[in-house]
Every structure is written in C-alpha cells, then in structure tokens.
C-alpha cells in the first residue's frame, strides 16, 4: 500500500463552541453534551465561568488516530 499524504489547514487552534457547532452542523446544545461526555476535546478551563474553546488540533489528531 502506498503512503497517503493529506494536507489539512486549521484556521485557528481553538474555536468557540458556537463556531464548532456552526461548521460541524451539530446543534450547540448537543456539542455541549459531547464536551461533557469527553467526545469533543477542549482547552482546559481555569474556572467554570470560562467559555468553552474546542481544541481543533487535538480533534484533528484524534480523527487521524481513529481513522
């Protein structure tokens, strides 16, 4: 089997849960539930009041690993 090269451009290493919801097509409330279940990887929060930031690099690495 030949090696496959895939180039992927990540616009931003972190995106808000709203932006992630918009481009994934998954409703925002479902995304929040997925964060709580550990299905969406986020930047560690320093306080519970901080906004959720989805770690796009970690999500890409996870997708590659599980493909």
Protein backbone atom coordinates (compact mmCIF):
# COMPACT_ATOMS: atom_id res chain seq x y z
CA UNK A 1 0.00 0.00 0.00
CA UNK A 2 1.28 3.46 -0.87
CA UNK A 3 1.70 6.17 1.72
CA UNK A 4 -1.07 8.72 1.62
CA UNK A 5 -0.31 12.38 2.24
CA UNK A 6 -3.14 14.61 3.39
CA UNK A 7 -2.69 18.34 3.88
CA UNK A 8 -5.13 19.89 6.30
CA UNK A 9 -5.29 23.58 7.15
CA UNK A 10 -6.57 24.56 10.59
CA UNK A 11 -7.78 28.17 10.60
CA UNK A 12 -7.41 28.51 14.38
CA UNK A 13 -6.10 26.11 17.03
CA UNK A 14 -9.09 26.92 19.24
CA UNK A 15 -12.67 27.83 18.29
CA UNK A 16 -15.72 28.67 20.37
CA UNK A 17 -18.35 26.01 20.89
CA UNK A 18 -20.69 28.17 18.75
CA UNK A 19 -18.26 28.22 15.80
CA UNK A 20 -17.66 24.48 16.16
CA UNK A 21 -21.42 23.94 16.14
CA UNK A 22 -21.80 26.11 13.04
CA UNK A 23 -19.24 24.34 10.87
CA UNK A 24 -19.90 20.81 12.16
CA UNK A 25 -23.66 21.13 11.73
CA UNK A 26 -24.19 19.72 15.23
CA UNK A 27 -26.59 21.75 17.42
CA UNK A 28 -24.79 23.78 20.11
CA UNK A 29 -26.57 22.00 22.99
CA UNK A 30 -25.53 18.64 21.55
CA UNK A 31 -21.93 19.90 21.28
CA UNK A 32 -22.03 20.93 24.95
CA UNK A 33 -23.27 17.45 25.89
CA UNK A 34 -20.48 15.92 23.79
CA UNK A 35 -17.94 18.07 25.67
CA UNK A 36 -19.35 16.79 28.97
CA UNK A 37 -19.01 13.19 27.72
CA UNK A 38 -15.44 13.84 26.54
CA UNK A 39 -16.27 13.38 22.84
CA UNK A 40 -15.14 16.91 21.95
CA UNK A 41 -11.67 17.91 23.16
CA UNK A 42 -11.47 21.36 24.72
CA UNK A 43 -8.80 23.69 26.05
CA UNK A 44 -8.56 23.20 29.83
CA UNK A 45 -10.60 25.84 31.66
CA UNK A 46 -9.12 27.71 34.63
CA UNK A 47 -12.56 28.48 36.03
CA UNK A 48 -16.04 27.12 35.45
CA UNK A 49 -17.15 30.51 34.09
CA UNK A 50 -14.65 30.49 31.21
CA UNK A 51 -16.08 29.94 27.74
CA UNK A 52 -15.58 26.56 26.10
CA UNK A 53 -12.84 26.55 23.45
CA UNK A 54 -12.66 23.47 21.22
CA UNK A 55 -9.07 22.29 20.62
CA UNK A 56 -9.06 21.82 16.84
CA UNK A 57 -5.50 20.42 16.74
CA UNK A 58 -6.34 17.72 19.29
CA UNK A 59 -9.59 16.94 17.45
CA UNK A 60 -7.66 16.53 14.17
CA UNK A 61 -5.07 14.28 15.85
CA UNK A 62 -7.88 12.18 17.34
CA UNK A 63 -9.59 11.87 13.95
CA UNK A 64 -6.34 10.74 12.30
CA UNK A 65 -5.59 8.25 15.07
CA UNK A 66 -9.08 6.75 14.88
CA UNK A 67 -9.25 6.54 11.08
